Protein backbone atom coordinates (compact mmCIF):
# COMPACT_ATOMS: atom_id res chain seq x y z
CA MET A 1 -1.63 -0.08 -4.76
CA ARG A 2 -4.66 0.86 -2.71
CA ARG A 3 -4.56 3.91 -0.48
CA ALA A 4 -7.42 6.03 0.83
CA THR A 5 -7.51 9.23 2.76
CA CYS A 6 -9.98 10.23 5.43
CA LEU A 7 -9.41 7.01 7.38
CA VAL A 8 -8.05 9.12 10.22
CA THR A 9 -11.40 10.81 10.69
CA LEU A 10 -12.85 7.61 12.08
CA LEU A 11 -9.91 7.03 14.36
CA ALA A 12 -9.62 10.59 15.58
CA ALA A 13 -13.36 10.89 16.17
CA ALA A 14 -13.19 7.75 18.26
CA GLY A 15 -10.54 9.28 20.53
CA LEU A 16 -8.32 6.28 20.14
CA ALA A 17 -6.21 5.27 23.08
CA PRO A 18 -3.07 3.15 22.98
CA ILE A 19 -2.51 0.09 20.88
CA LEU A 20 -4.84 -2.84 21.27
CA ALA A 21 -3.12 -5.09 23.78
CA GLY A 22 -1.69 -8.29 22.39
CA CYS A 23 -1.93 -7.42 18.69
CA GLY A 24 0.02 -9.92 16.68
CA GLY A 25 -0.40 -13.60 17.33
CA THR A 26 -3.55 -14.30 19.32
CA ASP A 27 -6.96 -14.64 17.80
CA HIS A 28 -8.23 -11.35 19.30
CA GLY A 29 -11.65 -12.44 20.32
CA GLY A 30 -11.68 -15.52 18.10
CA ARG A 31 -12.54 -18.96 19.44
CA ALA A 32 -10.85 -22.30 19.91
CA VAL A 33 -12.75 -25.58 20.05
CA GLN A 34 -12.10 -29.07 21.37
CA GLY A 35 -12.92 -32.31 19.63
CA VAL A 36 -12.27 -31.21 16.06
CA ARG A 37 -12.92 -34.19 13.79
CA PHE A 38 -10.80 -35.51 10.94
CA GLY A 39 -11.55 -38.66 8.95
CA ILE A 40 -9.27 -40.89 6.90
CA TYR A 41 -9.99 -43.85 4.68
CA TRP A 42 -7.21 -46.40 4.97
CA SER A 43 -7.37 -48.45 1.78
CA GLU A 44 -6.26 -52.10 1.64
CA ARG A 45 -2.56 -51.93 2.26
CA SER A 46 -0.51 -52.74 -0.83
CA ARG A 47 2.17 -55.46 -0.62
CA PRO A 48 1.90 -56.28 3.13
CA GLY A 49 5.28 -56.46 4.81
CA VAL A 50 7.04 -54.54 2.03
CA GLN A 51 7.49 -50.79 2.05
CA THR A 52 6.43 -49.16 -1.22
CA VAL A 53 6.06 -45.55 -2.28
CA ALA A 54 2.29 -45.40 -2.72
CA PRO A 55 -0.30 -43.84 -0.38
CA SER A 56 -1.96 -47.22 0.10
CA SER A 57 1.27 -48.51 1.68
CA ALA A 58 1.21 -45.91 4.48
CA LEU A 59 1.39 -46.95 8.13
CA SER A 60 0.90 -43.46 9.65
CA PHE A 61 0.05 -39.85 8.87
CA THR A 62 0.75 -36.38 10.18
CA LEU A 63 -1.95 -33.70 9.97
CA THR A 64 -0.89 -30.04 10.11
CA LEU A 65 -3.23 -27.06 10.45
CA ALA A 66 -1.41 -23.81 9.73
CA ARG A 67 -1.62 -21.47 12.75
CA GLY A 68 -4.25 -23.79 14.19
CA ALA A 69 -2.92 -23.99 17.74
CA ILE A 70 -4.33 -21.61 20.31
CA ASP A 71 -0.97 -19.77 20.57
CA GLY A 72 -0.92 -19.14 16.82
CA SER A 73 1.60 -21.86 16.00
CA ASP A 74 0.86 -24.81 13.70
CA TYR A 75 -1.34 -27.57 15.11
CA ILE A 76 0.21 -31.00 14.43
CA PHE A 77 -1.36 -34.42 15.00
CA THR A 78 0.20 -37.81 14.22
CA ALA A 79 -1.55 -41.19 14.20
CA SER A 80 -0.70 -44.69 13.02
CA ARG A 81 -2.70 -47.21 11.07
CA ARG A 82 -3.91 -50.22 13.04
CA PRO A 83 -2.20 -53.56 12.31
CA GLY A 84 -3.30 -55.62 9.35
CA PRO A 85 -3.76 -54.91 5.64
CA ALA A 86 -7.58 -54.69 5.59
CA ALA A 87 -9.21 -51.42 4.51
CA TYR A 88 -11.10 -49.36 7.08
CA SER A 89 -12.24 -45.82 7.87
CA ARG A 90 -11.68 -43.89 11.07
CA THR A 91 -12.67 -40.49 12.34
CA TYR A 92 -10.20 -38.99 14.80
CA ALA A 93 -11.15 -36.50 17.52
CA LEU A 94 -8.11 -34.23 17.62
CA PRO A 95 -6.70 -33.74 21.13
CA GLY A 96 -6.50 -30.27 22.63
CA ARG A 97 -8.01 -27.07 21.29
CA VAL A 98 -7.95 -25.88 17.68
CA ARG A 99 -8.59 -22.33 16.53
CA VAL A 100 -11.89 -21.75 14.75
CA GLY A 101 -11.69 -20.22 11.28
CA PRO A 102 -9.98 -20.63 7.90
CA THR A 103 -6.70 -22.53 7.77
CA SER A 104 -4.52 -24.57 5.45
CA LEU A 105 -4.58 -28.34 6.01
CA SER A 106 -1.77 -30.62 4.95
CA VAL A 107 -1.53 -34.40 5.32
CA ARG A 108 1.64 -36.42 4.91
CA LEU A 109 1.49 -40.21 4.80
CA TYR A 110 4.52 -42.20 5.97
CA ALA A 111 5.75 -45.68 5.19
CA GLY A 112 6.53 -46.34 8.86
CA PRO A 113 4.50 -45.98 12.07
CA GLY A 114 4.46 -42.77 14.11
CA GLY A 115 5.37 -40.49 11.22
CA THR A 116 8.59 -42.32 10.36
CA GLY A 117 10.03 -43.60 7.11
CA ASP A 118 9.56 -42.28 3.59
CA VAL A 119 6.74 -39.91 2.68
CA VAL A 120 4.46 -41.96 0.43
CA GLY A 121 1.51 -39.59 0.05
CA VAL A 122 0.65 -35.91 0.38
CA GLY A 123 -2.60 -33.95 0.45
CA TYR A 124 -3.42 -30.27 0.83
CA ALA A 125 -6.65 -28.30 1.22
CA SER A 126 -7.99 -24.94 2.34
CA VAL A 127 -10.53 -25.62 5.11
CA THR A 128 -12.50 -23.79 7.79
CA VAL A 129 -12.66 -25.14 11.34
CA LYS A 130 -16.18 -24.62 12.61
CA GLY A 131 -17.43 -24.09 16.13
CA ASP A 132 -18.99 -27.56 16.25
CA GLY A 133 -15.66 -29.25 15.44
CA SER A 134 -16.48 -29.98 11.80
CA GLY A 135 -14.92 -28.50 8.68
CA LEU A 136 -11.77 -30.56 8.12
CA GLY A 137 -13.48 -33.22 6.01
CA ASP A 138 -11.89 -36.55 5.11
CA VAL A 139 -8.87 -37.81 3.21
CA ALA A 140 -8.57 -41.05 1.25
CA THR A 141 -5.37 -42.96 0.53
CA THR A 142 -6.62 -44.24 -2.81
CA GLY A 143 -9.06 -43.17 -5.51
CA SER A 144 -9.33 -41.63 -8.98
CA VAL A 145 -8.46 -37.95 -9.35
CA ALA A 146 -11.44 -36.01 -10.70
CA SER A 147 -10.28 -32.44 -10.09
CA VAL A 148 -7.14 -30.51 -9.17
CA GLU A 149 -6.91 -27.07 -7.61
CA VAL A 150 -3.96 -24.85 -6.67
CA PRO A 151 -4.82 -22.85 -3.50
CA PRO A 152 -4.42 -19.06 -3.78
CA GLY A 153 -2.08 -16.92 -1.73
CA GLN A 154 1.10 -19.00 -2.07
CA THR A 155 4.44 -17.20 -2.12
CA LEU A 156 8.14 -17.97 -2.09
CA ALA A 157 11.22 -15.79 -1.91
CA VAL A 158 13.75 -15.07 -4.62
CA GLY A 159 16.26 -17.93 -4.61
CA GLU A 160 13.98 -20.17 -2.53
CA THR A 161 12.99 -23.68 -3.65
CA ARG A 162 9.61 -24.83 -2.38
CA ASP A 163 6.99 -27.48 -3.05
CA LEU A 164 3.74 -25.69 -3.86
CA ALA A 165 0.46 -26.94 -2.42
CA PHE A 166 -2.20 -28.48 -4.64
CA THR A 167 -5.50 -30.17 -3.90
CA ALA A 168 -6.58 -33.39 -5.64
CA ARG A 169 -10.14 -34.61 -5.11
CA SER A 170 -12.24 -37.59 -6.14
CA ASP A 171 -15.55 -37.28 -7.98
CA THR A 172 -17.28 -37.15 -4.57
CA GLY A 173 -15.13 -34.23 -3.44
CA THR A 174 -13.02 -36.27 -1.02
CA LEU A 175 -9.45 -35.05 -0.58
CA LEU A 176 -6.98 -37.55 -2.06
CA ALA A 177 -3.45 -38.16 -0.84
CA VAL A 178 -1.27 -38.70 -3.90
CA THR A 179 2.23 -39.98 -4.41
CA PRO A 180 4.95 -37.30 -4.15
CA GLY A 181 6.20 -36.49 -7.60
CA SER A 182 2.93 -37.40 -9.29
CA VAL A 183 2.11 -33.73 -9.84
CA PHE A 184 3.37 -32.00 -12.99
CA TRP A 185 3.68 -28.21 -12.81
CA SER A 186 3.72 -25.67 -15.62
CA VAL A 187 4.31 -21.92 -15.73
CA VAL A 188 1.40 -20.33 -17.58
CA ASP A 189 2.84 -16.81 -17.49
CA GLY A 190 5.56 -14.95 -15.60
CA ALA A 191 8.44 -17.29 -16.42
CA SER A 192 10.88 -14.47 -15.65
CA PHE A 193 9.75 -14.61 -12.00
CA LEU A 194 9.37 -18.34 -11.31
CA ARG A 195 10.51 -21.66 -12.73
CA PHE A 196 10.18 -25.32 -11.76
CA ASP A 197 13.01 -27.69 -10.98
CA LYS A 198 11.30 -31.06 -11.34
CA ALA A 199 8.25 -30.65 -9.07
CA SER A 200 9.60 -27.79 -6.95
CA ALA A 201 9.07 -24.09 -7.59
CA VAL A 202 12.12 -21.82 -7.63
CA GLY A 203 11.85 -18.05 -7.12
CA VAL A 204 13.77 -16.20 -9.84
CA ALA A 205 12.81 -12.53 -9.43
CA ARG A 206 10.32 -10.48 -7.46
CA GLY A 207 6.91 -10.52 -9.12
CA GLU A 208 3.98 -12.81 -9.90
CA ALA A 209 3.67 -15.93 -12.03
CA GLY A 210 0.69 -17.96 -13.16
CA VAL A 211 1.02 -21.71 -12.62
CA ALA A 212 -1.07 -24.83 -13.18
CA ALA A 213 -0.85 -28.36 -11.76
CA THR A 214 -1.71 -31.66 -13.46
CA VAL A 215 -2.29 -34.94 -11.60
CA ASP A 216 -3.28 -38.15 -13.41
CA GLY A 217 -4.28 -36.17 -16.48
CA GLN A 218 -6.48 -33.71 -14.56
CA ALA A 219 -5.29 -30.10 -14.82
CA SER A 220 -6.02 -27.20 -12.50
CA ALA A 221 -6.99 -23.69 -13.49
CA ARG A 222 -4.29 -21.01 -13.53
CA GLN A 223 -3.35 -19.70 -10.09
CA THR A 224 -1.12 -16.77 -9.14
CA VAL A 225 2.02 -17.43 -7.09
CA GLY A 226 3.96 -14.48 -5.69
CA VAL A 227 7.74 -14.29 -5.61
CA THR A 228 8.95 -11.98 -2.87
CA GLY A 229 12.28 -10.42 -2.01
CA GLN A 230 14.43 -11.45 0.88
CA GLY A 231 12.82 -8.84 3.09
CA ARG A 232 14.11 -5.34 3.83
CA GLY A 233 13.17 -1.92 5.16
CA LEU A 234 14.05 1.26 3.24
CA LEU A 235 13.92 4.96 4.08
CA LEU A 236 13.05 6.83 0.89
CA GLY A 237 14.44 10.20 1.98
CA ARG A 238 13.09 13.66 1.13
CA LEU A 239 12.99 15.89 -1.92
CA PRO A 240 15.97 18.22 -2.52
CA GLY A 241 15.87 21.46 -0.58
CA ALA A 242 13.67 20.14 2.21
CA PRO A 243 14.17 22.08 5.47
CA ASP A 244 15.80 20.26 8.37
CA ASN A 245 12.44 19.73 10.03
CA GLY A 246 10.66 18.89 6.78
CA SER A 247 8.93 15.52 6.62
CA SER A 248 8.01 13.02 3.94
CA GLY A 249 5.50 10.18 3.84
CA ALA A 250 4.60 7.32 1.52
CA LEU A 251 0.86 6.90 0.94
CA ALA A 252 0.58 4.36 -1.88
CA ILE A 253 2.51 1.70 -3.77
CA SER A 254 2.17 0.20 -7.24
CA ALA A 255 0.91 -3.34 -7.70
CA ASP A 256 4.42 -4.66 -8.38
CA ALA A 257 5.93 -2.61 -5.49
CA ARG A 258 8.37 -0.84 -7.79
CA VAL A 259 6.85 2.64 -7.47
CA VAL A 260 5.94 4.49 -4.26
CA VAL A 261 4.12 7.83 -4.10
CA GLY A 262 3.34 10.32 -1.36
CA PHE A 263 4.40 13.76 -0.12
CA SER A 264 7.63 15.47 0.87
CA TRP A 265 8.77 18.92 1.81
CA SER A 266 11.12 20.43 -0.74
CA GLY A 267 12.80 23.76 -1.44
CA GLU A 268 9.49 24.80 -3.06
CA GLY A 269 7.17 23.68 -0.27
CA LEU A 270 5.13 20.51 0.16
CA ARG A 271 5.12 18.45 -3.04
CA ALA A 272 3.83 15.15 -4.37
CA PHE A 273 6.56 12.64 -5.16
CA ARG A 274 7.04 9.48 -7.19
CA TRP A 275 9.86 7.15 -6.05
CA THR A 276 11.67 4.29 -7.78
CA GLU A 277 14.76 2.49 -6.56
CA ALA A 278 16.64 3.42 -9.71
CA GLY A 279 15.60 7.06 -9.91
CA GLY A 280 14.98 7.99 -6.30
CA MET A 281 12.37 10.59 -5.33
CA GLU A 282 10.91 12.69 -8.17
CA ASN A 283 9.17 16.02 -7.53
CA LEU A 284 5.84 16.04 -9.40
CA GLY A 285 5.29 19.76 -8.90
CA THR A 286 1.90 21.36 -8.43
CA LEU A 287 -0.95 22.76 -10.51
CA PRO A 288 -0.58 26.41 -11.62
CA GLY A 289 -1.66 28.78 -8.89
CA PHE A 290 -1.54 26.18 -6.13
CA GLU A 291 0.92 26.11 -3.24
CA ALA A 292 1.22 22.42 -2.31
CA SER A 293 0.52 18.92 -3.62
CA MET A 294 0.22 15.38 -2.28
CA ALA A 295 0.09 12.07 -4.18
CA THR A 296 -2.48 9.66 -2.75
CA ALA A 297 -2.54 6.74 -5.24
CA THR A 298 -0.82 5.19 -8.24
CA ASN A 299 -1.91 2.69 -10.85
CA ALA A 300 -0.70 -0.91 -11.26
CA ASP A 301 2.64 -0.15 -12.93
CA GLY A 302 3.20 3.25 -11.32
CA SER A 303 2.95 5.20 -14.60
CA VAL A 304 -0.02 7.27 -13.41
CA VAL A 305 -0.22 9.18 -10.13
CA VAL A 306 -3.25 10.97 -8.68
CA GLY A 307 -3.65 13.24 -5.71
CA THR A 308 -4.66 16.69 -4.53
CA CYS A 309 -3.23 20.21 -4.68
CA ASN A 310 -4.19 22.99 -2.30
CA LYS A 311 -3.68 26.67 -1.54
CA GLY A 312 -4.64 29.02 1.23
CA GLY A 313 -4.44 26.32 3.87
CA ASN A 314 -6.98 24.11 2.08
CA ALA A 315 -9.20 27.10 1.22
CA GLN A 316 -9.11 25.63 -2.27
CA THR A 317 -8.19 22.09 -3.31
CA ALA A 318 -8.00 20.47 -6.74
CA ALA A 319 -7.67 16.81 -7.75
CA PHE A 320 -4.86 16.03 -10.20
CA TRP A 321 -3.83 13.26 -12.62
CA TRP A 322 -0.15 12.89 -13.55
CA SER A 323 1.82 10.90 -16.12
CA ALA A 324 5.33 11.36 -17.45
CA ALA A 325 3.91 12.27 -20.87
CA THR A 326 1.39 14.89 -19.74
CA GLY A 327 2.72 16.09 -16.44
CA MET A 328 0.20 17.22 -13.81
CA ARG A 329 -3.30 18.07 -15.07
CA ARG A 330 -6.38 19.15 -13.22
CA ILE A 331 -9.09 16.51 -13.16
CA ILE A 332 -12.15 18.70 -12.79
CA ASP A 333 -13.02 22.36 -12.29
CA TRP A 334 -16.66 22.95 -11.46
CA PRO A 335 -18.11 26.10 -13.08
CA GLU A 336 -20.34 26.77 -10.06
CA GLY A 337 -17.72 28.54 -7.99
CA ARG A 338 -17.17 25.44 -5.87
CA ASN A 339 -13.50 25.12 -5.13
CA HIS A 340 -12.88 21.73 -3.56
CA SER A 341 -12.03 18.41 -5.22
CA ALA A 342 -9.76 15.54 -4.21
CA ALA A 343 -8.52 12.28 -5.78
CA PHE A 344 -8.14 9.23 -3.56
CA ASP A 345 -7.60 6.19 -5.81
CA VAL A 346 -7.07 5.12 -9.43
CA SER A 347 -7.77 2.00 -11.49
CA ALA A 348 -5.05 -0.42 -12.63
CA ASP A 349 -4.69 1.14 -16.08
CA GLY A 350 -4.84 4.69 -14.71
CA THR A 351 -7.97 5.74 -16.58
CA VAL A 352 -10.56 5.80 -13.77
CA VAL A 353 -10.05 8.12 -10.80
CA VAL A 354 -12.27 8.30 -7.72
CA GLY A 355 -12.51 11.00 -5.10
CA SER A 356 -14.82 13.82 -4.06
CA ALA A 357 -15.93 17.21 -5.34
CA ARG A 358 -18.07 19.99 -3.91
CA THR A 359 -21.14 20.82 -5.97
CA GLN A 360 -24.29 22.85 -5.39
CA SER A 361 -25.70 19.72 -3.73
CA GLY A 362 -22.82 19.51 -1.29
CA MET A 363 -19.80 17.19 -1.18
CA GLN A 364 -20.31 14.35 -3.65
CA GLY A 365 -18.37 11.26 -4.65
CA LEU A 366 -16.50 11.62 -7.92
CA ILE A 367 -15.73 9.07 -10.65
CA TRP A 368 -13.64 10.58 -13.46
CA ASP A 369 -12.74 8.98 -16.81
CA ALA A 370 -9.32 10.06 -18.07
CA LYS A 371 -10.10 8.91 -21.63
CA SER A 372 -13.27 10.93 -22.10
CA GLY A 373 -12.77 13.60 -19.45
CA GLN A 374 -16.32 12.90 -18.28
CA SER A 375 -17.29 12.44 -14.66
CA VAL A 376 -20.04 10.84 -12.61
CA THR A 377 -21.01 12.12 -9.17
CA LEU A 378 -22.42 10.01 -6.35
CA GLY A 379 -24.75 11.46 -3.76
CA ASP A 380 -26.20 10.33 -0.46
CA LEU A 381 -27.55 6.87 0.29
CA VAL A 382 -30.61 8.71 1.63
CA PRO A 383 -31.76 11.91 -0.15
CA PHE A 384 -31.21 15.21 1.68
CA LEU A 385 -31.90 18.88 1.12
CA PRO A 386 -29.78 20.57 -1.59
CA GLY A 387 -26.41 21.61 -0.33
CA ARG A 388 -26.43 19.05 2.48
CA SER A 389 -25.10 16.05 0.54
CA PHE A 390 -21.95 14.27 1.72
CA CYS A 391 -20.25 11.41 -0.12
CA GLN A 392 -16.65 10.37 -0.76
CA ALA A 393 -15.46 7.71 -3.19
CA LEU A 394 -12.32 6.30 -1.54
CA GLY A 395 -11.39 3.12 -3.43
CA VAL A 396 -11.74 1.61 -6.90
CA SER A 397 -11.18 -1.88 -8.33
CA ASP A 398 -8.56 -2.66 -10.95
CA ASP A 399 -11.06 -2.48 -13.81
CA GLY A 400 -12.66 0.72 -12.52
CA ARG A 401 -16.12 -0.84 -12.25
CA VAL A 402 -16.39 -1.17 -8.46
CA VAL A 403 -16.18 1.93 -6.27
CA VAL A 404 -16.38 2.08 -2.47
CA GLY A 405 -16.57 4.86 0.07
CA GLU A 406 -18.90 6.54 2.55
CA ALA A 407 -22.17 8.44 2.09
CA ARG A 408 -24.60 10.20 4.40
CA VAL A 409 -27.57 8.18 5.68
CA ALA A 410 -28.97 10.54 8.34
CA PRO A 411 -28.70 14.16 9.52
CA ASP A 412 -25.64 15.16 11.50
CA VAL A 413 -25.64 14.32 15.19
CA ASN A 414 -23.92 16.94 17.37
CA GLY A 415 -22.01 18.12 14.32
CA VAL A 416 -20.80 14.60 13.40
CA LYS A 417 -21.71 13.24 9.98
CA VAL A 418 -23.68 9.99 9.99
CA THR A 419 -22.33 8.03 7.03
CA GLN A 420 -22.27 4.40 5.96
CA ALA A 421 -20.04 2.34 3.75
CA PHE A 422 -21.20 1.80 0.19
CA ARG A 423 -20.23 -0.24 -2.86
CA TRP A 424 -21.08 1.09 -6.32
CA THR A 425 -21.17 -0.61 -9.72
CA PRO A 426 -22.57 0.72 -13.02
CA GLU A 427 -25.22 -1.99 -12.95
CA SER A 428 -26.43 -1.74 -9.35
CA GLY A 429 -25.55 1.83 -8.44
CA MET A 430 -24.82 2.65 -4.79
CA ALA A 431 -25.52 -0.19 -2.36
CA PRO A 432 -25.10 0.31 1.41
CA LEU A 433 -22.93 -2.27 3.16
CA GLY A 434 -24.51 -1.61 6.55
CA THR A 435 -22.68 -1.86 9.86
CA LEU A 436 -21.20 -4.61 12.01
CA TYR A 437 -23.80 -4.52 14.78
CA PRO A 438 -27.56 -3.90 15.04
CA GLY A 439 -28.42 -0.49 16.40
CA THR A 440 -25.25 1.16 15.04
CA PHE A 441 -25.30 3.57 12.12
CA VAL A 442 -21.77 4.63 11.11
CA SER A 443 -19.33 2.79 8.86
CA GLN A 444 -16.79 3.70 6.19
CA ALA A 445 -15.44 1.66 3.27
CA VAL A 446 -11.83 2.70 2.81
CA ALA A 447 -10.49 0.31 0.16
CA VAL A 448 -11.52 -2.45 -2.25
CA SER A 449 -9.54 -5.40 -3.61
CA GLY A 450 -8.32 -5.36 -7.19
CA ASP A 451 -11.00 -7.85 -8.23
CA GLY A 452 -13.70 -5.76 -6.53
CA ARG A 453 -14.99 -8.57 -4.34
CA VAL A 454 -13.51 -7.61 -0.95
CA VAL A 455 -14.04 -4.31 0.88
CA THR A 456 -12.32 -3.13 4.05
CA GLY A 457 -12.77 -0.17 6.36
CA ALA A 458 -14.22 0.49 9.81
CA SER A 459 -17.60 0.28 11.51
CA ALA A 460 -18.94 1.43 14.86
CA GLY A 461 -18.52 -1.01 17.73
CA ALA A 462 -21.30 -2.79 19.60
CA ASN A 463 -23.48 -1.47 22.42
CA GLY A 464 -23.04 2.19 21.60
CA SER A 465 -19.24 2.06 21.77
CA SER A 466 -17.48 5.15 20.42
CA LEU A 467 -14.70 2.93 19.06
CA PHE A 468 -14.55 1.59 15.53
CA GLU A 469 -13.64 -1.95 14.50
CA PRO A 470 -11.89 -2.89 11.26
CA PHE A 471 -14.03 -4.98 8.93
CA ARG A 472 -13.73 -7.13 5.83
CA TRP A 473 -16.80 -7.41 3.59
CA THR A 474 -17.50 -10.02 0.90
CA PRO A 475 -20.66 -10.65 -1.13
CA ALA A 476 -21.04 -14.10 0.44
CA GLY A 477 -20.13 -13.34 4.06
CA GLY A 478 -21.16 -9.72 4.44
CA MET A 479 -19.37 -7.47 6.94
CA VAL A 480 -17.14 -9.33 9.44
CA SER A 481 -15.04 -7.70 12.17
CA LEU A 482 -11.30 -8.37 12.05
CA ILE A 483 -10.98 -7.48 15.76
CA PRO A 484 -14.26 -8.33 17.50
CA GLY A 485 -14.69 -6.00 20.45
CA GLY A 486 -11.44 -4.22 19.55
CA LEU A 487 -10.68 -1.09 17.59
CA GLY A 488 -9.01 -0.08 14.35
CA VAL A 489 -9.53 0.37 10.63
CA GLY A 490 -8.78 -1.63 7.49
CA ILE A 491 -6.75 0.58 5.14
CA ALA A 492 -5.85 -1.46 2.07
CA CYS A 493 -6.38 -4.85 0.39
CA SER A 494 -4.23 -7.11 -1.72
CA ARG A 495 -5.37 -7.73 -5.30
CA ASP A 496 -7.44 -10.81 -4.38
CA GLY A 497 -8.53 -9.46 -0.99
CA SER A 498 -6.87 -12.29 0.92
CA VAL A 499 -4.63 -9.80 2.79
CA VAL A 500 -5.80 -6.65 4.60
CA LEU A 501 -3.52 -3.89 5.91
CA GLY A 502 -4.79 -1.86 8.85
CA ASN A 503 -3.99 -0.31 12.19
CA THR A 504 -5.39 -0.38 15.69
CA SER A 505 -4.55 3.21 16.72
CA MET A 506 -2.52 6.21 15.66
CA SER A 507 0.37 5.03 17.83
CA PRO A 508 3.64 3.58 16.45
CA GLY A 509 3.56 -0.19 16.19
CA SER A 510 -0.20 -0.46 15.73
CA GLU A 511 -0.14 -1.63 12.10
CA PHE A 512 -1.40 -5.12 11.29
CA LEU A 513 -1.74 -7.54 8.42
CA TRP A 514 -4.70 -9.92 8.32
CA ASP A 515 -4.95 -12.93 6.05
CA GLU A 516 -7.36 -15.82 5.70
CA THR A 517 -4.93 -18.39 7.08
CA ARG A 518 -3.14 -16.67 9.95
CA GLY A 519 -5.69 -14.07 10.98
CA LEU A 520 -4.48 -10.84 12.56
CA GLN A 521 -0.74 -10.30 12.98
CA SER A 522 1.28 -7.31 14.06
CA LEU A 523 3.31 -5.87 11.21
CA GLY A 524 6.07 -5.07 13.67
CA ARG A 525 6.16 -8.69 14.78
CA LEU A 526 6.30 -9.92 11.20
CA MET A 527 9.22 -7.58 10.55
CA ALA A 528 11.03 -8.80 13.65
CA GLU A 529 10.51 -12.46 12.75
CA ALA A 530 11.95 -11.79 9.28
CA GLY A 531 14.90 -9.82 10.68
CA ILE A 532 13.75 -6.61 8.99
CA ALA A 533 14.63 -3.25 10.54
CA LEU A 534 14.47 0.28 9.19
CA PRO A 535 17.88 1.98 9.05
CA GLY A 536 19.19 4.42 11.61
CA ASN A 537 17.28 3.38 14.71
CA SER A 538 14.00 4.23 12.96
CA GLY A 539 10.56 2.77 13.63
CA LEU A 540 7.41 2.40 11.58
CA LEU A 541 4.89 5.10 12.51
CA SER A 542 2.07 4.39 10.04
CA ALA A 543 1.31 2.31 6.95
CA SER A 544 -1.02 3.19 4.09
CA GLY A 545 -0.12 1.38 0.86
CA LEU A 546 -0.15 -2.35 0.06
CA SER A 547 1.17 -4.13 -3.03
CA ALA A 548 -0.93 -6.56 -5.06
CA ASP A 549 0.62 -9.60 -3.37
CA GLY A 550 0.20 -8.15 0.12
CA ARG A 551 3.92 -8.34 0.93
CA SER A 552 5.14 -4.76 0.39
CA ILE A 553 3.95 -1.84 2.50
CA ALA A 554 4.41 1.90 2.04
CA GLY A 555 4.26 4.17 5.05
CA VAL A 556 5.90 6.71 7.32
CA ALA A 557 8.88 6.06 9.60
CA LEU A 558 9.83 7.96 12.73
CA THR A 559 13.57 8.64 12.52
CA PRO A 560 15.98 10.69 14.66
CA GLN A 561 15.81 13.30 11.86
CA GLY A 562 11.99 13.41 11.70
CA LEU A 563 9.32 11.68 9.62
CA TYR A 564 10.46 9.89 6.46
CA ALA A 565 8.68 7.95 3.76
CA CYS A 566 9.51 4.27 3.99
CA LEU A 567 9.03 0.94 2.22
CA ILE A 568 8.76 -2.44 3.96
CA GLU A 569 9.23 -5.61 1.90
CA LEU A 570 8.29 -8.83 3.68
CA PRO A 571 9.84 -12.10 2.49
C-alpha cells in the first residue's frame, strides 16, 4: 500500500553508479561468527529400550537456523544423545560459521540416533545470533507449558498444506519441544482464506487470516498468517488511446494487492489510473483546468486514490483525493496565491492524506482530514526565516496517527537542501530520527509500516560519502543500515514492518526485499527462484508499491514496446 515520491532525489543527488555488486543472497557487510552455542536439556529417557512418541524418548535432534549459513542457505546441525537413560544437560558449540542477526530456529527430536526414526518432538523460536556466539538459548525435552506464541510473518500459498510454527515455553522462558500433534489450531478470522486439516494449515484463497495455537491448555494470542498466490508477473497495459511511445507505471498497491494505481499516457494525455484484474485500467481523469494527473497511493481496500495533478509543466500542481462516489476532488487550495500541493500517501480507511503544500512560510508538510476538510501543516525541524521552510510528509500509518518524511535542519549547502528524517504523532509532534553515522546530516524517511512502528528511507553514508544507505528505524533499535557501506533507499514497508522494499540504484535489477529472517535479497533472484517472469521478454525496471503481507509488488517494467505498469506476486 505504501508508496512515496521524492525518493529519487536522494539517489539522483548521490550520482548512483551501477547496482551494488552481489545483491541478493550474501549478508552485504553483515558478520558470521564461530562457536555459536546451543543448549539442550535431555530429560530422563522414558521407557528405555522402547521407542515411544514423546520428546523424552528422543535419541537425537536436528537444529535448523533459517538462512543461517554464510552462503545464505539454512544452517543444519545434528547431534545424538549419549548412551543411557539418565537426564543431563549439554551445551553444543556449533561447528563452522553462523550468520549474525535475526533468524528462525527449529528443533526436531528423533526416536533414533543421528536424526533417524520418528519425529517425537518439535520446537520453534525466533532468535538473534549475537556476535559473541550467544542468542540461541536452550531447549528442554520435558516441562510444563506456561506460554504459547505464534511467530509473525508466516505465509503459505493457495492450495499448499503446511505445519505452522509455534513456540511453547516453560515458566522460566525455556523453549520446550512438544509432541507433534499436541498443538490445536483455530482460525480466529479470515476463514475464507485459510483452514486447518488436523494440525496443518491449508491455503484456500489469497489474503490474510488470524490464527491461534493451544498447547496443554495454554493459548497464544492471535497472529496473522498470509496466504499468497502461486506467483506470477503481470503487465497491466496502458490506458486507451495511448501513443505508441506512451508509457505507464504502477506506483502503489492496496493492502490486499487487488488494486494497483499509478500513471499512464492516454488519448487525453498523462492520467492517473486505478487497475483491478476484473476491470482492467480505469482512467481517473484530472482536476478541472489541469493537464495531467498521477496516482501515488491508495488505501487498504483500494476504494480511495490520492495523487497530484499539474499544468504548465509543473508550474502549478494540486493534490487530489478520488473515490468512485465523488470522483476526483481537490484536497486544498491555499488562498495566498501559492500554487503547489502534492499528495504522497493515505491512511488505511482513506480519510487521512499526507503530502506537501507551498505556503507563505515555504514548502510545508501537509496532513489533510477528508472527513472535516481541515489540514495541519508541518514545518522545519529547526526554525528558519519566513519563506525558507522545507518539509514533506511522505508516509502515514494505517490509523493516520503516525506521519514520516523529511524536514530542513540547516541552511542549504551549495544549493542542496539539508533535511533529516522525522516521525510525527499528535502527542509528540515532529521528532527527528537522526542519521546513520556521526558527523552526517542528511536523511529522509520515505515510508512507515501500517502499525506505525517501523520507518524506512535513506541516510548519508559514513566518512563524508556522497552515497546514501537504506535504513530501517524502530523505537527500540533506532536507525539501522540495511546495506552497511553500500547504497540504496528503502521505499516501502509491509503492514508490520517485517518486510522492506527498496533498491540499490536506478538500474534495472536493483530492487530488493529485506526481512528479519533472510536479510537482504534481490527481487530478481526471488522471482527467478519462484519461476516468475514478466511476459514478452520484459524485465523489472523499478518497484514502488508493497502489499500488506510484503509479497506483492507494483512497479514499472521495461518491455520491447516501452515502459509498462506491472505487478509481481511472489508465492
